[in-house]
PDB file of N, CA and C in Angstrom:
ATOM      1  N   UNK A   1     141.225 175.614  91.404  1.00  0.00           N
ATOM      2  CA  UNK A   1     140.215 175.556  90.428  1.00  0.00           C
ATOM      3  C   UNK A   1     139.678 174.222  90.033  1.00  0.00           C
ATOM      4  N   UNK A   2     140.349 173.578  90.801  1.00  0.00           N
ATOM      5  CA  UNK A   2     139.482 172.334  89.984  1.00  0.00           C
ATOM      6  C   UNK A   2     138.481 172.174  90.994  1.00  0.00           C
ATOM      7  N   UNK A   3     138.332 172.469  92.325  1.00  0.00           N
ATOM      8  CA  UNK A   3     137.068 172.343  93.155  1.00  0.00           C
ATOM      9  C   UNK A   3     135.724 173.431  92.370  1.00  0.00           C
ATOM     10  N   UNK A   4     136.169 174.234  92.238  1.00  0.00           N
ATOM     11  CA  UNK A   4     135.234 174.925  91.615  1.00  0.00           C
ATOM     12  C   UNK A   4     134.327 175.106  90.037  1.00  0.00           C
ATOM     13  N   UNK A   5     135.559 174.146  89.509  1.00  0.00           N
ATOM     14  CA  UNK A   5     134.693 173.325  88.188  1.00  0.00           C
ATOM     15  C   UNK A   5     134.004 172.222  88.489  1.00  0.00           C
ATOM     16  N   UNK A   6     134.573 171.264  89.438  1.00  0.00           N
ATOM     17  CA  UNK A   6     133.661 170.697  90.233  1.00  0.00           C
ATOM     18  C   UNK A   6     132.146 171.062  90.438  1.00  0.00           C
ATOM     19  N   UNK A   7     132.113 171.965  91.341  1.00  0.00           N
ATOM     20  CA  UNK A   7     131.039 172.619  92.062  1.00  0.00           C
ATOM     21  C   UNK A   7     130.264 173.068  90.641  1.00  0.00           C
ATOM     22  N   UNK A   8     130.584 173.497  90.025  1.00  0.00           N
ATOM     23  CA  UNK A   8     129.731 173.936  88.934  1.00  0.00           C
ATOM     24  C   UNK A   8     129.185 172.579  87.654  1.00  0.00           C
ATOM     25  N   UNK A   9     130.171 172.104  87.603  1.00  0.00           N
ATOM     26  CA  UNK A   9     129.256 170.681  87.340  1.00  0.00           C
ATOM     27  C   UNK A   9     128.438 170.105  87.763  1.00  0.00           C
ATOM     28  N   UNK A  10     128.929 169.979  88.943  1.00  0.00           N
ATOM     29  CA  UNK A  10     127.754 169.285  90.436  1.00  0.00           C
ATOM     30  C   UNK A  10     126.246 169.905  90.064  1.00  0.00           C
ATOM     31  N   UNK A  11     126.600 171.324  90.247  1.00  0.00           N
ATOM     32  CA  UNK A  11     125.514 171.816  90.300  1.00  0.00           C
ATOM     33  C   UNK A  11     124.706 172.429  89.299  1.00  0.00           C
ATOM     34  N   UNK A  12     125.246 172.043  87.662  1.00  0.00           N
ATOM     35  CA  UNK A  12     124.585 172.568  86.525  1.00  0.00           C
ATOM     36  C   UNK A  12     123.840 171.351  86.452  1.00  0.00           C
ATOM     37  N   UNK A  13     124.521 169.836  86.359  1.00  0.00           N
ATOM     38  CA  UNK A  13     123.637 169.027  85.877  1.00  0.00           C
ATOM     39  C   UNK A  13     123.225 167.962  86.918  1.00  0.00           C
ATOM     40  N   UNK A  14     123.784 168.104  88.342  1.00  0.00           N
ATOM     41  CA  UNK A  14     123.152 167.340  89.123  1.00  0.00           C
ATOM     42  C   UNK A  14     123.855 166.084  89.616  1.00  0.00           C
ATOM     43  N   UNK A  15     125.111 165.696  88.213  1.00  0.00           N
ATOM     44  CA  UNK A  15     125.620 164.412  88.377  1.00  0.00           C
ATOM     45  C   UNK A  15     127.169 164.614  88.533  1.00  0.00           C
ATOM     46  N   UNK A  16     127.983 163.404  88.991  1.00  0.00           N
ATOM     47  CA  UNK A  16     129.368 163.560  89.347  1.00  0.00           C
ATOM     48  C   UNK A  16     129.823 162.183  89.366  1.00  0.00           C
ATOM     49  N   UNK A  17     131.037 162.030  89.274  1.00  0.00           N
ATOM     50  CA  UNK A  17     131.954 160.599  88.995  1.00  0.00           C
ATOM     51  C   UNK A  17     132.643 160.753  90.221  1.00  0.00           C
ATOM     52  N   UNK A  18     132.266 159.531  90.818  1.00  0.00           N
ATOM     53  CA  UNK A  18     132.850 159.275  91.918  1.00  0.00           C
ATOM     54  C   UNK A  18     133.964 157.760  91.884  1.00  0.00           C
ATOM     55  N   UNK A  19     134.726 157.466  92.358  1.00  0.00           N
ATOM     56  CA  UNK A  19     135.810 156.498  92.265  1.00  0.00           C
ATOM     57  C   UNK A  19     135.517 155.489  93.412  1.00  0.00           C
ATOM     58  N   UNK A  20     134.887 154.136  93.067  1.00  0.00           N
ATOM     59  CA  UNK A  20     134.761 153.483  94.207  1.00  0.00           C
ATOM     60  C   UNK A  20     135.296 151.790  94.158  1.00  0.00           C
ATOM     61  N   UNK A  21     136.393 151.550  94.391  1.00  0.00           N
ATOM     62  CA  UNK A  21     136.974 150.339  94.620  1.00  0.00           C
ATOM     63  C   UNK A  21     138.076 150.599  93.508  1.00  0.00           C
ATOM     64  N   UNK A  22     138.360 151.488  92.553  1.00  0.00           N
ATOM     65  CA  UNK A  22     139.164 151.596  91.754  1.00  0.00           C
ATOM     66  C   UNK A  22     137.925 151.721  90.287  1.00  0.00           C
ATOM     67  N   UNK A  23     136.571 151.458  90.552  1.00  0.00           N
ATOM     68  CA  UNK A  23     135.784 151.963  89.365  1.00  0.00           C
ATOM     69  C   UNK A  23     135.035 152.994  89.247  1.00  0.00           C
ATOM     70  N   UNK A  24     135.045 153.925  88.298  1.00  0.00           N
ATOM     71  CA  UNK A  24     134.564 155.183  87.945  1.00  0.00           C
ATOM     72  C   UNK A  24     133.373 154.929  88.096  1.00  0.00           C
ATOM     73  N   UNK A  25     132.433 155.576  88.912  1.00  0.00           N
ATOM     74  CA  UNK A  25     130.688 155.373  89.441  1.00  0.00           C
ATOM     75  C   UNK A  25     130.557 156.732  89.124  1.00  0.00           C
ATOM     76  N   UNK A  26     129.227 157.066  87.891  1.00  0.00           N
ATOM     77  CA  UNK A  26     128.588 158.039  87.990  1.00  0.00           C
ATOM     78  C   UNK A  26     127.401 158.271  88.544  1.00  0.00           C
ATOM     79  N   UNK A  27     127.488 159.180  89.248  1.00  0.00           N
ATOM     80  CA  UNK A  27     126.251 158.857  90.535  1.00  0.00           C
ATOM     81  C   UNK A  27     125.070 160.865  90.187  1.00  0.00           C
ATOM     82  N   UNK A  28     123.956 160.291  90.559  1.00  0.00           N
ATOM     83  CA  UNK A  28     123.033 161.487  90.236  1.00  0.00           C
ATOM     84  C   UNK A  28     122.433 161.975  91.721  1.00  0.00           C
ATOM     85  N   UNK A  29     122.223 163.285  91.829  1.00  0.00           N
ATOM     86  CA  UNK A  29     122.385 164.023  93.107  1.00  0.00           C
ATOM     87  C   UNK A  29     120.266 163.693  92.982  1.00  0.00           C
ATOM     88  N   UNK A  30     119.525 163.802  94.409  1.00  0.00           N
ATOM     89  CA  UNK A  30     118.090 163.898  94.427  1.00  0.00           C
ATOM     90  C   UNK A  30     118.122 165.324  93.924  1.00  0.00           C
ATOM     91  N   UNK A  31     116.279 165.754  94.337  1.00  0.00           N
ATOM     92  CA  UNK A  31     116.142 166.688  94.174  1.00  0.00           C
ATOM     93  C   UNK A  31     116.332 167.630  95.210  1.00  0.00           C
ATOM     94  N   UNK A  32     116.388 167.137  96.251  1.00  0.00           N
ATOM     95  CA  UNK A  32     117.101 167.974  97.811  1.00  0.00           C
ATOM     96  C   UNK A  32     118.320 168.207  97.342  1.00  0.00           C
ATOM     97  N   UNK A  33     119.097 167.574  97.160  1.00  0.00           N
ATOM     98  CA  UNK A  33     121.094 167.695  96.728  1.00  0.00           C
ATOM     99  C   UNK A  33     120.980 168.593  95.770  1.00  0.00           C
ATOM    100  N   UNK A  34     120.122 168.759  95.043  1.00  0.00           N
ATOM    101  CA  UNK A  34     120.205 169.937  93.770  1.00  0.00           C
ATOM    102  C   UNK A  34     119.984 170.841  94.631  1.00  0.00           C
ATOM    103  N   UNK A  35     118.735 171.246  95.212  1.00  0.00           N
ATOM    104  CA  UNK A  35     118.319 172.507  96.112  1.00  0.00           C
ATOM    105  C   UNK A  35     119.164 173.214  96.961  1.00  0.00           C
ATOM    106  N   UNK A  36     120.012 172.026  97.563  1.00  0.00           N
ATOM    107  CA  UNK A  36     120.940 172.256  98.921  1.00  0.00           C
ATOM    108  C   UNK A  36     122.157 173.357  98.256  1.00  0.00           C
ATOM    109  N   UNK A  37     122.819 173.030  97.075  1.00  0.00           N
ATOM    110  CA  UNK A  37     124.063 173.169  96.360  1.00  0.00           C
ATOM    111  C   UNK A  37     123.918 174.147  95.420  1.00  0.00           C
ATOM    112  N   UNK A  38     122.582 174.877  95.359  1.00  0.00           N
ATOM    113  CA  UNK A  38     122.485 175.462  94.293  1.00  0.00           C
ATOM    114  C   UNK A  38     123.258 177.197  94.271  1.00  0.00           C
ATOM    115  N   UNK A  39     123.548 177.667  95.524  1.00  0.00           N
ATOM    116  CA  UNK A  39     124.446 178.540  95.241  1.00  0.00           C
ATOM    117  C   UNK A  39     125.657 178.336  95.869  1.00  0.00           C
ATOM    118  N   UNK A  40     126.114 177.590  96.026  1.00  0.00           N
ATOM    119  CA  UNK A  40     127.790 176.954  96.362  1.00  0.00           C
ATOM    120  C   UNK A  40     128.728 177.781  95.531  1.00  0.00           C
ATOM    121  N   UNK A  41     128.452 177.084  94.158  1.00  0.00           N
ATOM    122  CA  UNK A  41     129.308 177.743  93.508  1.00  0.00           C
ATOM    123  C   UNK A  41     129.761 179.059  93.269  1.00  0.00           C
ATOM    124  N   UNK A  42     128.545 179.729  93.536  1.00  0.00           N
ATOM    125  CA  UNK A  42     128.886 181.399  93.500  1.00  0.00           C
ATOM    126  C   UNK A  42     129.765 182.101  94.595  1.00  0.00           C
ATOM    127  N   UNK A  43     128.818 181.307  95.760  1.00  0.00           N
ATOM    128  CA  UNK A  43     129.963 181.564  97.068  1.00  0.00           C
ATOM    129  C   UNK A  43     131.285 181.259  96.850  1.00  0.00           C
ATOM    130  N   UNK A  44     131.427 180.153  96.071  1.00  0.00           N
ATOM    131  CA  UNK A  44     133.336 179.292  96.408  1.00  0.00           C
ATOM    132  C   UNK A  44     134.051 180.369  95.026  1.00  0.00           C
ATOM    133  N   UNK A  45     133.247 181.107  94.489  1.00  0.00           N
ATOM    134  CA  UNK A  45     134.056 181.979  93.459  1.00  0.00           C
ATOM    135  C   UNK A  45     134.218 183.333  94.021  1.00  0.00           C
ATOM    136  N   UNK A  46     133.424 183.480  94.920  1.00  0.00           N
ATOM    137  CA  UNK A  46     133.688 185.021  95.707  1.00  0.00           C
ATOM    138  C   UNK A  46     134.811 184.729  96.815  1.00  0.00           C
ATOM    139  N   UNK A  47     134.393 183.444  97.505  1.00  0.00           N
ATOM    140  CA  UNK A  47     135.965 183.216  98.012  1.00  0.00           C
ATOM    141  C   UNK A  47     137.186 183.113  97.502  1.00  0.00           C
ATOM    142  N   UNK A  48     137.394 182.123  96.258  1.00  0.00           N
ATOM    143  CA  UNK A  48     138.461 182.304  95.233  1.00  0.00           C
ATOM    144  C   UNK A  48     138.899 183.373  95.028  1.00  0.00           C
ATOM    145  N   UNK A  49     138.143 184.750  94.571  1.00  0.00           N
ATOM    146  CA  UNK A  49     138.626 185.791  94.243  1.00  0.00           C
ATOM    147  C   UNK A  49     139.122 186.644  95.552  1.00  0.00           C
ATOM    148  N   UNK A  50     138.741 186.237  96.797  1.00  0.00           N
ATOM    149  CA  UNK A  50     139.157 187.008  97.982  1.00  0.00           C
ATOM    150  C   UNK A  50     138.041 188.134  98.219  1.00  0.00           C
ATOM    151  N   UNK A  51     136.940 188.249  97.503  1.00  0.00           N
ATOM    152  CA  UNK A  51     136.247 188.977  98.149  1.00  0.00           C
ATOM    153  C   UNK A  51     134.929 188.387  99.359  1.00  0.00           C
ATOM    154  N   UNK A  52     135.225 187.188  99.552  1.00  0.00           N
ATOM    155  CA  UNK A  52     134.409 186.908 100.833  1.00  0.00           C
ATOM    156  C   UNK A  52     135.491 185.959 101.844  1.00  0.00           C
ATOM    157  N   UNK A  53     135.246 185.952 103.256  1.00  0.00           N
ATOM    158  CA  UNK A  53     135.871 185.314 103.845  1.00  0.00           C
ATOM    159  C   UNK A  53     135.973 183.616 103.714  1.00  0.00           C
ATOM    160  N   UNK A  54     136.886 183.195 104.213  1.00  0.00           N
ATOM    161  CA  UNK A  54     137.459 182.107 104.466  1.00  0.00           C
ATOM    162  C   UNK A  54     136.260 181.003 104.747  1.00  0.00           C
ATOM    163  N   UNK A  55     135.494 181.562 105.649  1.00  0.00           N
ATOM    164  CA  UNK A  55     133.994 180.700 105.996  1.00  0.00           C
ATOM    165  C   UNK A  55     133.110 180.387 104.919  1.00  0.00           C
ATOM    166  N   UNK A  56     132.898 181.462 103.916  1.00  0.00           N
ATOM    167  CA  UNK A  56     132.264 181.341 102.777  1.00  0.00           C
ATOM    168  C   UNK A  56     132.666 180.243 102.121  1.00  0.00           C
ATOM    169  N   UNK A  57     134.026 179.666 101.784  1.00  0.00           N
ATOM    170  CA  UNK A  57     134.622 179.218 101.298  1.00  0.00           C
ATOM    171  C   UNK A  57     134.635 177.663 101.954  1.00  0.00           C
ATOM    172  N   UNK A  58     134.701 177.723 102.737  1.00  0.00           N
ATOM    173  CA  UNK A  58     134.520 176.267 103.809  1.00  0.00           C
ATOM    174  C   UNK A  58     132.790 175.855 103.617  1.00  0.00           C
ATOM    175  N   UNK A  59     131.956 176.563 103.742  1.00  0.00           N
ATOM    176  CA  UNK A  59     130.725 176.671 104.006  1.00  0.00           C
ATOM    177  C   UNK A  59     130.227 175.668 102.232  1.00  0.00           C
ATOM    178  N   UNK A  60     130.558 176.727 101.285  1.00  0.00           N
ATOM    179  CA  UNK A  60     130.204 175.376 100.135  1.00  0.00           C
ATOM    180  C   UNK A  60     131.078 174.378 100.150  1.00  0.00           C
ATOM    181  N   UNK A  61     131.748 174.446 100.162  1.00  0.00           N
ATOM    182  CA  UNK A  61     132.443 172.529 100.088  1.00  0.00           C
ATOM    183  C   UNK A  61     131.958 172.087 100.923  1.00  0.00           C
ATOM    184  N   UNK A  62     131.783 172.179 101.981  1.00  0.00           N
ATOM    185  CA  UNK A  62     130.436 171.118 102.972  1.00  0.00           C
ATOM    186  C   UNK A  62     129.290 171.014 102.615  1.00  0.00           C
ATOM    187  N   UNK A  63     128.854 171.953 102.029  1.00  0.00           N
ATOM    188  CA  UNK A  63     127.467 171.671 100.952  1.00  0.00           C
ATOM    189  C   UNK A  63     127.182 170.712 100.005  1.00  0.00           C
ATOM    190  N   UNK A  64     128.527 171.106  98.995  1.00  0.00           N
ATOM    191  CA  UNK A  64     128.928 170.083  98.440  1.00  0.00           C
ATOM    192  C   UNK A  64     128.837 168.357  98.865  1.00  0.00           C
ATOM    193  N   UNK A  65     129.574 168.424  99.772  1.00  0.00           N
ATOM    194  CA  UNK A  65     129.883 167.384 100.396  1.00  0.00           C
ATOM    195  C   UNK A  65     129.219 166.639 100.674  1.00  0.00           C
ATOM    196  N   UNK A  66     128.003 167.486 101.738  1.00  0.00           N
ATOM    197  CA  UNK A  66     126.892 166.590 101.969  1.00  0.00           C
ATOM    198  C   UNK A  66     125.883 166.599 100.848  1.00  0.00           C
ATOM    199  N   UNK A  67     125.621 167.035 100.003  1.00  0.00           N
ATOM    200  CA  UNK A  67     125.013 167.190  98.619  1.00  0.00           C
ATOM    201  C   UNK A  67     125.142 165.633  98.138  1.00  0.00           C
ATOM    202  N   UNK A  68     126.439 165.515  98.237  1.00  0.00           N
ATOM    203  CA  UNK A  68     127.159 164.092  97.647  1.00  0.00           C
ATOM    204  C   UNK A  68     126.657 162.599  97.473  1.00  0.00           C
ATOM    205  N   UNK A  69     125.864 163.173  99.381  1.00  0.00           N
ATOM    206  CA  UNK A  69     125.854 161.879 100.496  1.00  0.00           C
ATOM    207  C   UNK A  69     123.832 161.542  99.796  1.00  0.00           C
ATOM    208  N   UNK A  70     123.486 162.918  99.199  1.00  0.00           N
ATOM    209  CA  UNK A  70     122.356 162.852  98.824  1.00  0.00           C
ATOM    210  C   UNK A  70     122.162 161.880  97.575  1.00  0.00           C
ATOM    211  N   UNK A  71     122.099 160.810  96.934  1.00  0.00           N
ATOM    212  CA  UNK A  71     122.018 160.637  95.895  1.00  0.00           C
ATOM    213  C   UNK A  71     120.954 159.787  95.586  1.00  0.00           C
ATOM    214  N   UNK A  72     120.267 159.680  94.317  1.00  0.00           N
ATOM    215  CA  UNK A  72     119.328 158.502  94.029  1.00  0.00           C
ATOM    216  C   UNK A  72     119.606 157.514  94.373  1.00  0.00           C
ATOM    217  N   UNK A  73     118.699 156.371  95.181  1.00  0.00           N
ATOM    218  CA  UNK A  73     119.040 155.173  95.379  1.00  0.00           C
ATOM    219  C   UNK A  73     118.593 154.175  94.314  1.00  0.00           C
ATOM    220  N   UNK A  74     119.055 153.154  93.563  1.00  0.00           N
ATOM    221  CA  UNK A  74     118.629 152.622  92.419  1.00  0.00           C
ATOM    222  C   UNK A  74     117.999 151.591  93.379  1.00  0.00           C
ATOM    223  N   UNK A  75     116.741 151.239  92.670  1.00  0.00           N
ATOM    224  CA  UNK A  75     116.288 149.992  93.240  1.00  0.00           C
ATOM    225  C   UNK A  75     116.970 148.579  92.777  1.00  0.00           C
ATOM    226  N   UNK A  76     116.821 147.963  93.643  1.00  0.00           N
ATOM    227  CA  UNK A  76     117.670 146.467  93.387  1.00  0.00           C
ATOM    228  C   UNK A  76     116.383 145.603  93.134  1.00  0.00           C
ATOM    229  N   UNK A  77     116.921 144.518  92.229  1.00  0.00           N
ATOM    230  CA  UNK A  77     116.086 143.163  91.582  1.00  0.00           C
ATOM    231  C   UNK A  77     116.381 142.282  92.668  1.00  0.00           C
ATOM    232  N   UNK A  78     115.235 141.201  92.788  1.00  0.00           N
ATOM    233  CA  UNK A  78     115.524 140.653  93.756  1.00  0.00           C
ATOM    234  C   UNK A  78     115.824 139.626  92.743  1.00  0.00           C
ATOM    235  N   UNK A  79     116.375 138.593  94.129  1.00  0.00           N
ATOM    236  CA  UNK A  79     117.420 137.552  93.436  1.00  0.00           C
ATOM    237  C   UNK A  79     116.384 136.303  93.160  1.00  0.00           C
ATOM    238  N   UNK A  80     115.663 136.310  93.800  1.00  0.00           N
ATOM    239  CA  UNK A  80     114.323 135.006  93.363  1.00  0.00           C
ATOM    240  C   UNK A  80     114.026 134.557  94.986  1.00  0.00           C
ATOM    241  N   UNK A  81     112.869 134.001  94.753  1.00  0.00           N
ATOM    242  CA  UNK A  81     112.328 133.516  95.808  1.00  0.00           C
ATOM    243  C   UNK A  81     113.289 133.225  97.380  1.00  0.00           C
ATOM    244  N   UNK A  82     112.731 133.655  98.145  1.00  0.00           N
ATOM    245  CA  UNK A  82     113.325 133.073  99.210  1.00  0.00           C
ATOM    246  C   UNK A  82     112.856 131.801  99.833  1.00  0.00           C
ATOM    247  N   UNK A  83     113.309 130.494  99.946  1.00  0.00           N
ATOM    248  CA  UNK A  83     113.163 129.496 100.634  1.00  0.00           C
ATOM    249  C   UNK A  83     113.796 129.268 101.688  1.00  0.00           C
ATOM    250  N   UNK A  84     113.230 129.174 102.982  1.00  0.00           N
ATOM    251  CA  UNK A  84     113.332 128.615 103.978  1.00  0.00           C
ATOM    252  C   UNK A  84     113.655 127.274 103.913  1.00  0.00           C
ATOM    253  N   UNK A  85     114.564 126.532 104.351  1.00  0.00           N
ATOM    254  CA  UNK A  85     114.748 125.164 105.121  1.00  0.00           C
ATOM    255  C   UNK A  85     114.931 125.105 106.373  1.00  0.00           C
ATOM    256  N   UNK A  86     114.646 123.985 106.893  1.00  0.00           N
ATOM    257  CA  UNK A  86     115.020 123.486 108.017  1.00  0.00           C
ATOM    258  C   UNK A  86     115.761 122.564 108.403  1.00  0.00           C
TER     259      UNK A  86
END
């Protein structure tokens, strides 16, 4: 049930919380990631109720996993002018 709850949260808001070196970081999916997981929660619900085969559940989990890798990239601030010394 935890996976199902997470799928609905990610697909609905397009945001999720991930843990990175002990810190919780909130990430946001890009538009391509949001589009790819649009039906994943529905498929996983059918699988959870026993109305769909195992492959459907695995496919939904895999879609979420791939979508989480498609997050928006934050723009990095330049640290300063690059000065070369010889």
